[in-house]
C-alpha atoms as a PDB file:
ATOM      1  CA  MET A   1       0.000   0.000   0.000  1.00  0.00           C
ATOM      2  CA  ASP A   2       0.994   3.621  -0.520  1.00  0.00           C
ATOM      3  CA  LYS A   3       0.684   5.912   2.472  1.00  0.00           C
ATOM      4  CA  TYR A   4      -1.224   8.428   0.360  1.00  0.00           C
ATOM      5  CA  ASP A   5      -4.001   5.852  -0.022  1.00  0.00           C
ATOM      6  CA  ILE A   6      -4.841   6.831   3.562  1.00  0.00           C
ATOM      7  CA  GLY A   7      -7.397   9.657   3.405  1.00  0.00           C
ATOM      8  CA  ILE A   8      -7.707  11.563   6.694  1.00  0.00           C
ATOM      9  CA  LYS A   9     -11.305  12.726   7.350  1.00  0.00           C
ATOM     10  CA  ARG A  10     -11.603  13.691  11.017  1.00  0.00           C
ATOM     11  CA  ILE A  11      -9.244  14.071  13.970  1.00  0.00           C
ATOM     12  CA  ILE A  12      -9.953  14.660  17.643  1.00  0.00           C
ATOM     13  CA  VAL A  13      -7.474  14.866  20.533  1.00  0.00           C
ATOM     14  CA  HIS A  14      -8.145  13.883  24.164  1.00  0.00           C
ATOM     15  CA  ILE A  15      -5.622  14.501  26.946  1.00  0.00           C
ATOM     16  CA  LEU A  16      -5.153  11.519  29.267  1.00  0.00           C
ATOM     17  CA  GLU A  17      -2.840  12.799  31.993  1.00  0.00           C
ATOM     18  CA  SER A  18      -3.243  10.624  35.096  1.00  0.00           C
ATOM     19  CA  SER A  19      -1.833  13.246  37.487  1.00  0.00           C
ATOM     20  CA  VAL A  20      -4.632  15.684  36.604  1.00  0.00           C
ATOM     21  CA  GLY A  21      -7.251  13.350  38.099  1.00  0.00           C
ATOM     22  CA  VAL A  22      -9.688  13.614  35.191  1.00  0.00           C
ATOM     23  CA  PRO A  23      -9.285  13.306  31.427  1.00  0.00           C
ATOM     24  CA  VAL A  24      -9.406  16.514  29.414  1.00  0.00           C
ATOM     25  CA  LEU A  25     -11.855  15.538  26.685  1.00  0.00           C
ATOM     26  CA  SER A  26     -12.300  17.682  23.596  1.00  0.00           C
ATOM     27  CA  GLU A  27     -15.792  18.848  22.705  1.00  0.00           C
ATOM     28  CA  LYS A  28     -15.055  19.203  19.016  1.00  0.00           C
ATOM     29  CA  GLU A  29     -12.828  17.729  16.353  1.00  0.00           C
ATOM     30  CA  LEU A  30      -9.531  19.324  15.419  1.00  0.00           C
ATOM     31  CA  ASP A  31      -9.298  21.828  12.601  1.00  0.00           C
ATOM     32  CA  TYR A  32      -5.998  20.399  11.383  1.00  0.00           C
ATOM     33  CA  GLY A  33      -3.667  21.571   8.632  1.00  0.00           C
ATOM     34  CA  SER A  34      -1.787  19.645   5.980  1.00  0.00           C
ATOM     35  CA  GLU A  35       1.382  19.258   8.097  1.00  0.00           C
ATOM     36  CA  PHE A  36      -0.442  17.705  11.037  1.00  0.00           C
ATOM     37  CA  GLY A  37      -2.499  15.584   8.645  1.00  0.00           C
ATOM     38  CA  GLU A  38       0.768  14.265   7.181  1.00  0.00           C
ATOM     39  CA  PHE A  39       2.055  13.588  10.721  1.00  0.00           C
ATOM     40  CA  ILE A  40      -1.020  11.451  11.457  1.00  0.00           C
ATOM     41  CA  ARG A  41      -0.894   9.700   8.068  1.00  0.00           C
ATOM     42  CA  GLU A  42       2.758   8.766   8.670  1.00  0.00           C
ATOM     43  CA  HIS A  43       1.943   7.186  12.026  1.00  0.00           C
ATOM     44  CA  ILE A  44      -0.973   5.181  10.606  1.00  0.00           C
ATOM     45  CA  TYR A  45       1.193   4.002   7.705  1.00  0.00           C
ATOM     46  CA  LYS A  46       3.992   3.023  10.088  1.00  0.00           C
ATOM     47  CA  ILE A  47       1.547   0.790  11.992  1.00  0.00           C
ATOM     48  CA  TYR A  48       0.337  -0.919   8.805  1.00  0.00           C
ATOM     49  CA  THR A  49       3.912  -1.660   7.738  1.00  0.00           C
ATOM     50  CA  SER A  50       5.113  -2.794  11.172  1.00  0.00           C
ATOM     51  CA  ASP A  51       5.836  -6.465  11.821  1.00  0.00           C
ATOM     52  CA  ASP A  52       4.598  -5.869  15.389  1.00  0.00           C
ATOM     53  CA  ILE A  53       1.020  -5.502  14.144  1.00  0.00           C
ATOM     54  CA  LYS A  54      -1.451  -8.155  15.341  1.00  0.00           C
ATOM     55  CA  ARG A  55      -4.765  -9.078  13.679  1.00  0.00           C
ATOM     56  CA  CYS A  56      -7.529  -9.195  16.280  1.00  0.00           C
ATOM     57  CA  SER A  57     -11.197  -9.900  16.856  1.00  0.00           C
ATOM     58  CA  PHE A  58     -13.444  -8.218  19.419  1.00  0.00           C
ATOM     59  CA  TYR A  59     -15.094 -10.286  22.132  1.00  0.00           C
ATOM     60  CA  GLU A  60     -18.488  -9.149  20.899  1.00  0.00           C
ATOM     61  CA  ASN A  61     -20.421  -9.914  24.089  1.00  0.00           C
ATOM     62  CA  GLU A  62     -17.837  -8.297  26.356  1.00  0.00           C
ATOM     63  CA  SER A  63     -16.219  -5.360  24.568  1.00  0.00           C
ATOM     64  CA  GLU A  64     -17.561  -1.892  25.302  1.00  0.00           C
ATOM     65  CA  ILE A  65     -15.576  -0.526  22.361  1.00  0.00           C
ATOM     66  CA  PHE A  66     -17.251  -3.044  20.045  1.00  0.00           C
ATOM     67  CA  GLU A  67     -20.656  -1.996  21.358  1.00  0.00           C
ATOM     68  CA  LEU A  68     -19.848   1.685  20.831  1.00  0.00           C
ATOM     69  CA  LEU A  69     -18.610   1.195  17.272  1.00  0.00           C
ATOM     70  CA  SER A  70     -21.493  -1.114  16.303  1.00  0.00           C
ATOM     71  CA  GLY A  71     -23.678   1.975  16.193  1.00  0.00           C
ATOM     72  CA  TYR A  72     -21.072   4.301  14.709  1.00  0.00           C
ATOM     73  CA  GLU A  73     -22.341   7.203  12.617  1.00  0.00           C
ATOM     74  CA  GLU A  74     -20.250  10.111  11.360  1.00  0.00           C
ATOM     75  CA  GLU A  75     -22.330  12.611  13.332  1.00  0.00           C
ATOM     76  CA  ASN A  76     -21.499  10.653  16.522  1.00  0.00           C
ATOM     77  CA  PHE A  77     -17.725  10.797  15.955  1.00  0.00           C
ATOM     78  CA  GLU A  78     -17.036  13.291  18.764  1.00  0.00           C
ATOM     79  CA  GLU A  79     -19.282  11.632  21.375  1.00  0.00           C
ATOM     80  CA  ILE A  80     -18.027   8.119  20.630  1.00  0.00           C
ATOM     81  CA  SER A  81     -14.412   9.321  20.745  1.00  0.00           C
ATOM     82  CA  ARG A  82     -14.993  10.838  24.197  1.00  0.00           C
ATOM     83  CA  ARG A  83     -16.490   7.610  25.539  1.00  0.00           C
ATOM     84  CA  ILE A  84     -13.552   5.617  24.136  1.00  0.00           C
ATOM     85  CA  ALA A  85     -11.091   8.044  25.748  1.00  0.00           C
ATOM     86  CA  GLN A  86     -12.955   7.911  29.069  1.00  0.00           C
ATOM     87  CA  LYS A  87     -12.695   4.107  29.187  1.00  0.00           C
ATOM     88  CA  LEU A  88      -8.980   4.166  28.414  1.00  0.00           C
ATOM     89  CA  TYR A  89      -8.379   6.851  31.045  1.00  0.00           C
ATOM     90  CA  GLU A  90     -10.153   4.830  33.735  1.00  0.00           C
ATOM     91  CA  ILE A  91      -7.806   1.899  33.068  1.00  0.00           C
ATOM     92  CA  MET A  92      -4.750   4.179  33.028  1.00  0.00           C
ATOM     93  CA  ASN A  93      -5.793   5.948  36.224  1.00  0.00           C
ATOM     94  CA  SER A  94      -6.026   2.611  38.062  1.00  0.00           C
ATOM     95  CA  ASN A  95      -2.600   1.430  36.863  1.00  0.00           C
ATOM     96  CA  ILE A  96       0.195   3.938  37.379  1.00  0.00           C
ATOM     97  CA  GLU A  97       2.703   2.047  35.178  1.00  0.00           C
ATOM     98  CA  ILE A  98       0.707   2.923  32.056  1.00  0.00           C
ATOM     99  CA  PRO A  99       2.219   6.171  30.726  1.00  0.00           C
ATOM    100  CA  ALA A 100       0.225   9.374  30.281  1.00  0.00           C
ATOM    101  CA  ALA A 101      -0.635  10.270  26.704  1.00  0.00           C
ATOM    102  CA  ASP A 102      -2.777  12.121  24.242  1.00  0.00           C
ATOM    103  CA  LEU A 103      -5.309   9.829  22.598  1.00  0.00           C
ATOM    104  CA  ILE A 104      -5.718  10.930  18.991  1.00  0.00           C
ATOM    105  CA  ILE A 105      -8.739   9.380  17.299  1.00  0.00           C
ATOM    106  CA  VAL A 106      -8.864   9.560  13.529  1.00  0.00           C
ATOM    107  CA  GLU A 107     -11.522   8.680  10.991  1.00  0.00           C
ATOM    108  CA  TYR A 108      -9.911   7.823   7.663  1.00  0.00           C
ATOM    109  CA  THR A 109     -10.520   5.906   4.458  1.00  0.00           C
ATOM    110  CA  LEU A 110      -8.426   3.220   2.811  1.00  0.00           C
ATOM    111  CA  ASN A 111      -9.394   1.403  -0.387  1.00  0.00           C
ATOM    112  CA  ARG A 112     -12.903   2.907  -0.133  1.00  0.00           C
ATOM    113  CA  ALA A 113     -13.451   1.423   3.322  1.00  0.00           C
ATOM    114  CA  LYS A 114     -13.919   3.575   6.408  1.00  0.00           C
ATOM    115  CA  TYR A 115     -11.619   3.133   9.415  1.00  0.00           C
ATOM    116  CA  LEU A 116     -11.050   4.505  12.885  1.00  0.00           C
ATOM    117  CA  ALA A 117      -7.525   4.838  14.295  1.00  0.00           C
ATOM    118  CA  LEU A 118      -6.929   4.990  18.044  1.00  0.00           C
ATOM    119  CA  LEU A 119      -3.429   6.419  18.440  1.00  0.00           C
ATOM    120  CA  LYS A 120      -2.090   6.553  21.998  1.00  0.00           C
ATOM    121  CA  MET A 121       0.681   9.133  21.882  1.00  0.00           C
ATOM    122  CA  ASN A 122       2.762   8.506  25.007  1.00  0.00           C
ATOM    123  CA  TYR A 123       4.493  11.661  26.191  1.00  0.00           C
ATOM    124  CA  LYS A 124       8.211  12.265  25.716  1.00  0.00           C
ATOM    125  CA  SER A 125      10.273  14.495  28.002  1.00  0.00           C
ATOM    126  CA  LEU A 126      12.747  16.793  26.227  1.00  0.00           C
ATOM    127  CA  TYR A 127      14.445  20.103  26.867  1.00  0.00           C
ATOM    128  CA  THR A 128      13.345  23.197  24.972  1.00  0.00           C
ATOM    129  CA  HIS A 129      14.066  26.906  25.208  1.00  0.00           C
ATOM    130  CA  ILE A 130      11.841  29.618  26.622  1.00  0.00           C
ATOM    131  CA  THR A 131      12.210  33.400  26.433  1.00  0.00           C
ATOM    132  CA  ASN A 132      11.212  35.671  29.303  1.00  0.00           C
ATOM    133  CA  TYR A 133      11.508  39.428  29.576  1.00  0.00           C
ATOM    134  CA  ASP A 134      12.669  41.508  32.546  1.00  0.00           C
ATOM    135  CA  GLU A 135      13.975  45.021  33.124  1.00  0.00           C
ATOM    136  CA  TYR A 136      17.203  44.158  31.265  1.00  0.00           C
ATOM    137  CA  GLY A 137      15.466  42.774  28.173  1.00  0.00           C
ATOM    138  CA  ASN A 138      15.153  39.204  26.822  1.00  0.00           C
ATOM    139  CA  VAL A 139      16.202  36.380  29.146  1.00  0.00           C
ATOM    140  CA  ASN A 140      16.556  32.997  27.404  1.00  0.00           C
ATOM    141  CA  ASP A 141      16.193  29.868  29.506  1.00  0.00           C
ATOM    142  CA  VAL A 142      15.925  26.099  29.022  1.00  0.00           C
ATOM    143  CA  ILE A 143      13.082  24.044  30.509  1.00  0.00           C
ATOM    144  CA  MET A 144      12.060  20.390  30.520  1.00  0.00           C
ATOM    145  CA  HIS A 145       8.870  19.861  28.494  1.00  0.00           C
ATOM    146  CA  LYS A 146       7.178  16.689  29.742  1.00  0.00           C
ATOM    147  CA  ALA A 147       4.260  16.351  27.331  1.00  0.00           C
ATOM    148  CA  LEU A 148       5.785  16.158  23.855  1.00  0.00           C
ATOM    149  CA  LEU A 149       4.274  13.767  21.318  1.00  0.00           C
ATOM    150  CA  PRO A 150       6.290  11.060  19.516  1.00  0.00           C
ATOM    151  CA  GLY A 151       7.853  12.240  16.250  1.00  0.00           C
ATOM    152  CA  GLU A 152       7.001  10.809  12.829  1.00  0.00           C
ATOM    153  CA  SER A 153      10.015   8.501  12.911  1.00  0.00           C
ATOM    154  CA  GLN A 154       9.051   6.960  16.276  1.00  0.00           C
ATOM    155  CA  LYS A 155       6.853   3.877  16.652  1.00  0.00           C
ATOM    156  CA  LEU A 156       3.765   4.076  18.826  1.00  0.00           C
ATOM    157  CA  SER A 157       3.628   1.540  21.660  1.00  0.00           C
ATOM    158  CA  GLU A 158      -0.169   1.231  21.583  1.00  0.00           C
ATOM    159  CA  ALA A 159      -2.558   1.832  18.711  1.00  0.00           C
ATOM    160  CA  ALA A 160      -5.544   0.243  16.987  1.00  0.00           C
ATOM    161  CA  LEU A 161      -6.777   0.435  13.387  1.00  0.00           C
ATOM    162  CA  ILE A 162     -10.443  -0.569  13.182  1.00  0.00           C
ATOM    163  CA  ASN A 163     -12.424  -1.322  10.013  1.00  0.00           C
ATOM    164  CA  LEU A 164     -15.791   0.330  10.638  1.00  0.00           C
ATOM    165  CA  GLU A 165     -17.552  -1.896   8.107  1.00  0.00           C
ATOM    166  CA  ASP A 166     -16.849  -5.300   9.690  1.00  0.00           C
ATOM    167  CA  LEU A 167     -15.198  -4.145  12.981  1.00  0.00           C
ATOM    168  CA  SER A 168     -12.089  -6.216  12.335  1.00  0.00           C
ATOM    169  CA  LEU A 169      -9.040  -4.593  13.869  1.00  0.00           C
ATOM    170  CA  SER A 170      -5.267  -4.588  13.940  1.00  0.00           C
ATOM    171  CA  ILE A 171      -3.251  -3.426  16.919  1.00  0.00           C
ATOM    172  CA  VAL A 172       0.221  -2.788  18.251  1.00  0.00           C
ATOM    173  CA  GLU A 173       0.715  -2.916  21.988  1.00  0.00           C
ATOM    174  CA  LYS A 174       3.195  -3.140  24.821  1.00  0.00           C
ATOM    175  CA  LYS A 175       3.022  -4.956  28.143  1.00  0.00           C
ATOM    176  CA  TYR A 176       2.869  -2.917  31.352  1.00  0.00           C
ATOM    177  CA  ASP A 177       2.779  -3.890  35.004  1.00  0.00           C
ATOM    178  CA  ILE A 178      -0.856  -4.506  36.011  1.00  0.00           C
ATOM    179  CA  ASN A 179      -1.443  -5.732  39.574  1.00  0.00           C
ATOM    180  CA  GLY A 180       2.134  -6.982  39.807  1.00  0.00           C
ATOM    181  CA  GLN A 181       2.203  -8.813  36.455  1.00  0.00           C
ATOM    182  CA  LYS A 182       3.172  -7.754  32.930  1.00  0.00           C
ATOM    183  CA  GLU A 183       0.040  -7.618  30.805  1.00  0.00           C
ATOM    184  CA  ASN A 184      -1.171  -6.531  27.371  1.00  0.00           C
ATOM    185  CA  TYR A 185      -3.803  -4.270  28.922  1.00  0.00           C
ATOM    186  CA  PHE A 186      -4.545  -2.527  25.610  1.00  0.00           C
ATOM    187  CA  SER A 187      -6.111  -5.645  24.065  1.00  0.00           C
ATOM    188  CA  LYS A 188      -7.220  -7.415  27.253  1.00  0.00           C
ATOM    189  CA  ARG A 189      -8.777  -4.591  29.299  1.00  0.00           C
ATOM    190  CA  PHE A 190      -9.329  -1.690  26.916  1.00  0.00           C
ATOM    191  CA  LEU A 191     -10.334  -3.129  23.544  1.00  0.00           C
ATOM    192  CA  GLN A 192     -11.291  -6.553  24.956  1.00  0.00           C
ATOM    193  CA  CYS A 193     -10.232  -8.514  21.906  1.00  0.00           C
ATOM    194  CA  SER A 194      -8.321 -11.665  21.037  1.00  0.00           C
ATOM    195  CA  SER A 195      -5.109 -11.312  19.096  1.00  0.00           C
ATOM    196  CA  LYS A 196      -2.957 -13.413  16.807  1.00  0.00           C
ATOM    197  CA  LEU A 197       0.830 -13.444  16.898  1.00  0.00           C
ATOM    198  CA  SER A 198       2.630 -10.735  14.952  1.00  0.00           C
ATOM    199  CA  GLN A 199       5.006 -11.635  12.109  1.00  0.00           C
ATOM    200  CA  LYS A 200       7.934 -10.464  14.222  1.00  0.00           C
ATOM    201  CA  THR A 201       6.908 -12.663  17.150  1.00  0.00           C
ATOM    202  CA  LYS A 202       6.465 -15.710  14.889  1.00  0.00           C
ATOM    203  CA  LEU A 203       9.918 -15.244  13.378  1.00  0.00           C
ATOM    204  CA  ASN A 204      11.462 -14.944  16.851  1.00  0.00           C
ATOM    205  CA  ILE A 205       9.664 -18.108  17.986  1.00  0.00           C
ATOM    206  CA  VAL A 206      11.137 -20.069  15.063  1.00  0.00           C
ATOM    207  CA  ALA A 207      14.658 -18.722  15.643  1.00  0.00           C
ATOM    208  CA  LYS A 208      14.549 -19.450  19.393  1.00  0.00           C
ATOM    209  CA  ALA A 209      13.158 -22.971  18.859  1.00  0.00           C
ATOM    210  CA  VAL A 210      15.990 -23.779  16.435  1.00  0.00           C
ATOM    211  CA  GLU A 211      18.552 -22.447  18.912  1.00  0.00           C
ATOM    212  CA  LYS A 212      17.052 -24.398  21.820  1.00  0.00           C
ATOM    213  CA  VAL A 213      17.201 -27.711  19.936  1.00  0.00           C
ATOM    214  CA  GLN A 214      20.766 -27.010  18.769  1.00  0.00           C
ATOM    215  CA  GLU A 215      21.971 -26.162  22.279  1.00  0.00           C
ATOM    216  CA  LYS A 216      20.456 -29.387  23.615  1.00  0.00           C
ATOM    217  CA  HIS A 217      21.855 -31.797  21.033  1.00  0.00           C
ATOM    218  CA  ILE A 218      24.981 -30.257  19.496  1.00  0.00           C
ATOM    219  CA  GLU A 219      28.388 -30.182  21.173  1.00  0.00           C
ATOM    220  CA  GLU A 220      29.294 -26.756  22.506  1.00  0.00           C
ATOM    221  CA  ASN A 221      32.375 -26.387  20.299  1.00  0.00           C
ATOM    222  CA  GLU A 222      30.237 -27.094  17.207  1.00  0.00           C
ATOM    223  CA  GLN A 223      27.289 -24.854  18.076  1.00  0.00           C
ATOM    224  CA  TYR A 224      28.712 -21.713  16.465  1.00  0.00           C
ATOM    225  CA  GLU A 225      28.780 -23.418  13.055  1.00  0.00           C
ATOM    226  CA  ALA A 226      25.281 -24.878  13.463  1.00  0.00           C
ATOM    227  CA  LYS A 227      23.837 -21.527  14.541  1.00  0.00           C
ATOM    228  CA  MET A 228      25.459 -19.723  11.610  1.00  0.00           C
ATOM    229  CA  LYS A 229      24.101 -22.346   9.212  1.00  0.00           C
ATOM    230  CA  ALA A 230      20.580 -21.925  10.621  1.00  0.00           C
ATOM    231  CA  LYS A 231      20.779 -18.149  10.358  1.00  0.00           C
ATOM    232  CA  SER A 232      21.972 -18.449   6.768  1.00  0.00           C
ATOM    233  CA  ILE A 233      19.066 -20.757   5.880  1.00  0.00           C
ATOM    234  CA  ILE A 234      16.492 -18.359   7.376  1.00  0.00           C
ATOM    235  CA  HIS A 235      18.134 -15.423   5.584  1.00  0.00           C
ATOM    236  CA  ASN A 236      18.182 -17.198   2.225  1.00  0.00           C
ATOM    237  CA  ASP A 237      14.505 -18.185   2.452  1.00  0.00           C
ATOM    238  CA  LEU A 238      13.522 -14.637   3.386  1.00  0.00           C
ATOM    239  CA  GLN A 239      15.672 -13.257   0.573  1.00  0.00           C
ATOM    240  CA  GLU A 240      14.479 -15.646  -2.128  1.00  0.00           C
ATOM    241  CA  GLN A 241      10.852 -16.230  -1.143  1.00  0.00           C
ATOM    242  CA  GLY A 242      10.035 -13.256   1.071  1.00  0.00           C
ATOM    243  CA  ALA A 243       8.818 -15.688   3.726  1.00  0.00           C
ATOM    244  CA  ILE A 244       9.679 -18.803   5.712  1.00  0.00           C
ATOM    245  CA  THR A 245       7.682 -21.870   6.704  1.00  0.00           C
ATOM    246  CA  PRO A 246       8.753 -23.381  10.043  1.00  0.00           C
ATOM    247  CA  ALA A 247       8.386 -26.969   8.797  1.00  0.00           C
ATOM    248  CA  ALA A 248      10.617 -26.210   5.793  1.00  0.00           C
ATOM    249  CA  ILE A 249      13.208 -24.512   8.023  1.00  0.00           C
ATOM    250  CA  ALA A 250      13.295 -27.604  10.247  1.00  0.00           C
ATOM    251  CA  GLU A 251      13.992 -29.879   7.263  1.00  0.00           C
ATOM    252  CA  LYS A 252      16.854 -27.691   6.047  1.00  0.00           C
ATOM    253  CA  VAL A 253      18.446 -26.907   9.423  1.00  0.00           C
ATOM    254  CA  PHE A 254      18.146 -30.442  10.825  1.00  0.00           C
ATOM    255  CA  GLU A 255      18.806 -32.243   7.572  1.00  0.00           C
ATOM    256  CA  ASP A 256      18.904 -36.060   7.968  1.00  0.00           C
ATOM    257  CA  GLN A 257      18.013 -35.649  11.669  1.00  0.00           C
ATOM    258  CA  PRO A 258      14.296 -36.515  11.847  1.00  0.00           C
ATOM    259  CA  GLU A 259      14.338 -36.755  15.641  1.00  0.00           C
ATOM    260  CA  LEU A 260      15.572 -33.145  15.901  1.00  0.00           C
ATOM    261  CA  GLN A 261      13.021 -32.017  13.313  1.00  0.00           C
ATOM    262  CA  LYS A 262      10.308 -33.620  15.436  1.00  0.00           C
ATOM    263  CA  GLU A 263      11.588 -31.917  18.589  1.00  0.00           C
ATOM    264  CA  PHE A 264      11.640 -28.542  16.822  1.00  0.00           C
ATOM    265  CA  VAL A 265       8.029 -28.999  15.657  1.00  0.00           C
ATOM    266  CA  GLU A 266       7.022 -29.908  19.210  1.00  0.00           C
ATOM    267  CA  GLN A 267       8.616 -26.663  20.411  1.00  0.00           C
ATOM    268  CA  ILE A 268       6.379 -24.539  18.174  1.00  0.00           C
ATOM    269  CA  GLU A 269       3.228 -26.688  18.062  1.00  0.00           C
ATOM    270  CA  LYS A 270       1.641 -24.768  20.932  1.00  0.00           C
ATOM    271  CA  TYR A 271       1.755 -21.623  18.775  1.00  0.00           C
ATOM    272  CA  ASN A 272      -0.017 -23.332  15.817  1.00  0.00           C
ATOM    273  CA  ILE A 273       2.453 -21.953  13.278  1.00  0.00           C
ATOM    274  CA  SER A 274       4.334 -25.042  12.060  1.00  0.00           C
ATOM    275  CA  GLU A 275       2.682 -24.941   8.614  1.00  0.00           C
ATOM    276  CA  GLU A 276       2.099 -21.201   8.535  1.00  0.00           C
ATOM    277  CA  GLU A 277       3.910 -18.859   6.160  1.00  0.00           C
ATOM    278  CA  ILE A 278       5.783 -16.146   8.057  1.00  0.00           C
ATOM    279  CA  ALA A 279       6.323 -13.082   5.879  1.00  0.00           C
ATOM    280  CA  PRO A 280       7.858 -10.063   7.648  1.00  0.00           C
ATOM    281  CA  GLN A 281       7.662  -6.884   5.604  1.00  0.00           C
ATOM    282  CA  ASN A 282       9.807  -4.447   7.560  1.00  0.00           C
ATOM    283  CA  ASP A 283      13.579  -4.297   7.030  1.00  0.00           C
ATOM    284  CA  SER A 284      14.190  -3.733  10.748  1.00  0.00           C
ATOM    285  CA  THR A 285      12.688  -7.161  11.530  1.00  0.00           C
ATOM    286  CA  ILE A 286      15.032  -9.109   9.259  1.00  0.00           C
ATOM    287  CA  ARG A 287      18.127  -6.919   9.702  1.00  0.00           C
ATOM    288  CA  LYS A 288      19.724  -9.290  12.204  1.00  0.00           C
ATOM    289  CA  TYR A 289      19.556 -12.081   9.594  1.00  0.00           C
ATOM    290  CA  GLN A 290      21.526 -10.034   7.074  1.00  0.00           C
ATOM    291  CA  LYS A 291      24.828 -10.436   8.953  1.00  0.00           C
ATOM    292  CA  GLN A 292      26.657 -13.133  10.828  1.00  0.00           C
ATOM    293  CA  CYS A 293      28.036 -11.732  14.087  1.00  0.00           C
ATOM    294  CA  ILE A 294      30.870 -13.737  15.625  1.00  0.00           C
ATOM    295  CA  THR A 295      32.619 -13.141  18.954  1.00  0.00           C
ATOM    296  CA  THR A 296      35.737 -15.112  19.863  1.00  0.00           C
ATOM    297  CA  ASP A 297      36.814 -16.136  23.367  1.00  0.00           C
ATOM    298  CA  THR A 298      39.694 -13.678  22.960  1.00  0.00           C
ATOM    299  CA  GLY A 299      37.302 -10.731  22.530  1.00  0.00           C
ATOM    300  CA  ILE A 300      37.486 -10.287  18.750  1.00  0.00           C
ATOM    301  CA  GLU A 301      34.186  -9.394  17.079  1.00  0.00           C
ATOM    302  CA  ILE A 302      33.532 -10.030  13.379  1.00  0.00           C
ATOM    303  CA  LYS A 303      30.450  -8.968  11.400  1.00  0.00           C
ATOM    304  CA  ILE A 304      30.052 -10.741   8.077  1.00  0.00           C
ATOM    305  CA  PRO A 305      27.446  -9.721   5.460  1.00  0.00           C
ATOM    306  CA  MET A 306      25.447 -12.841   4.660  1.00  0.00           C
ATOM    307  CA  GLU A 307      26.247 -12.764   0.945  1.00  0.00           C
ATOM    308  CA  GLN A 308      29.963 -12.919   1.831  1.00  0.00           C
ATOM    309  CA  TYR A 309      29.430 -15.607   4.477  1.00  0.00           C
ATOM    310  CA  ASP A 310      27.913 -17.831   1.771  1.00  0.00           C
ATOM    311  CA  ASN A 311      30.810 -17.118  -0.618  1.00  0.00           C
ATOM    312  CA  PRO A 312      33.916 -19.344  -0.093  1.00  0.00           C
ATOM    313  CA  ASP A 313      35.977 -16.796  -2.042  1.00  0.00           C
ATOM    314  CA  CYS A 314      35.368 -14.258   0.728  1.00  0.00           C
ATOM    315  CA  ILE A 315      35.651 -16.182   3.982  1.00  0.00           C
ATOM    316  CA  GLU A 316      36.623 -19.641   5.199  1.00  0.00           C
ATOM    317  CA  PHE A 317      36.341 -21.313   8.596  1.00  0.00           C
ATOM    318  CA  ILE A 318      39.152 -23.807   9.255  1.00  0.00           C
ATOM    319  CA  THR A 319      39.068 -26.354  12.076  1.00  0.00           C
ATOM    320  CA  ASN A 320      42.637 -26.979  13.200  1.00  0.00           C
ATOM    321  CA  GLN A 321      44.015 -30.319  14.417  1.00  0.00           C
ATOM    322  CA  ASP A 322      44.123 -29.089  18.009  1.00  0.00           C
ATOM    323  CA  GLY A 323      40.409 -28.278  17.903  1.00  0.00           C
ATOM    324  CA  THR A 324      40.797 -24.496  17.595  1.00  0.00           C
ATOM    325  CA  VAL A 325      39.162 -22.590  14.747  1.00  0.00           C
ATOM    326  CA  SER A 326      40.782 -20.164  12.314  1.00  0.00           C
ATOM    327  CA  VAL A 327      38.824 -17.627  10.276  1.00  0.00           C
ATOM    328  CA  MET A 328      40.394 -16.732   6.919  1.00  0.00           C
ATOM    329  CA  ILE A 329      39.110 -13.537   5.286  1.00  0.00           C
ATOM    330  CA  LYS A 330      40.053 -13.561   1.601  1.00  0.00           C
ATOM    331  CA  ASN A 331      40.522 -11.176  -1.329  1.00  0.00           C
ATOM    332  CA  ILE A 332      40.530  -7.935   0.627  1.00  0.00           C
ATOM    333  CA  GLY A 333      41.192  -4.895  -1.542  1.00  0.00           C
ATOM    334  CA  LYS A 334      41.413  -2.280   1.229  1.00  0.00           C
ATOM    335  CA  LEU A 335      41.236  -2.130   5.034  1.00  0.00           C
ATOM    336  CA  PHE A 336      39.548   0.740   6.890  1.00  0.00           C
ATOM    337  CA  SER A 337      39.772   1.700  10.562  1.00  0.00           C
ATOM    338  CA  LYS A 338      36.687   3.109  12.318  1.00  0.00           C
END
C-alpha cells in the first residue's frame, strides 16, 4: 500500500494525563492543517507496515468498544471518541505504570473502506528553550517539556486500526505492570479482543526454537557453526521467497536428523504456526539475519554480510588439528579503521 491511499477525514485529541485526576476531553474535532495531517498519516502508515502488528477480533459480548462502534455514525464521531477516551483513562488511572498520553482518534478511508484509528501518543520528556523578559530585556532559559508527542520517525507503543464496516481490527501494543504482572492491557482490558501473533513474534519463535534444539543436542564447540548455518538458511529463504515456513526450516536446518526435526516442531506446536507462512515486511525485523556476528573467546568481534558468508571466495572457517578454529578472510582490496 501507498501511504497516500490513507485519506484523513476527522481528527480529535483527548488529553489523558493521570496526574490531573480527570481526562481533558475535547468537545469538538480538530481543525488540522496539511502538516499535522501528514504527521497522522505517517503514524498510521507506520503501523500498517510494522511487523509488530497483530490481527484481532473483538469479544463481541464483552467489549464496550465493540458496542460503541457497532452503532457508529459520522455525526457521533465526537461523542463516541470521548467515551472511548474515558474508558482508556479509567484503566490508566487505576494502573500507574501505564504512561500518560494524548489519545488521537482519527476517521480515515483506505481502499474505499472507512476506518477509525486509536493512536495513543505517550508523552516524551525533552528540553526546549523559553524566552522571558525583565527590566534588562530578553532572558533565554531552558526548561524540561514533559508532554511532547512522539515524532514521525518513532513507533507508537499502543494503537488500533479498526475497520468500521466489519469491525475487524489490527493493533500494536506493549506490556505494562498490572497488579504486579506484565500484561497486554490494551487488548485485554481496553479493547477486549483476542489477538494473533505478529510476524515479528512468529519469526522470533522459530529462531529461538531452532537455537534451543541445537543447544540441547549439538556439542558446545560445534554450536557456532550450526547456529550460523541456521541463520543463513532463514536469511536465504527470506531473501528468495520473502517468507519462511517453520516446517521447511526444520527440514533444512536439521537435515537427515528426523528426531531433531520432530523436537523442533514440538517446540512450536503450541503456537499453531508449524505450517504457517511467516512473511515479515519491515527491514528492521530481518536486519539481524543479514549479517553473521561472531565473537571469539579472545574478545574479537567479526560482522560478516550474509552474501559474503555464503561465498567461499570471501571467507573460510578452518578447524585446526588441536580443535581451535581459524577464520580466513580472503581477497581484501582495502582495510579501513573506524
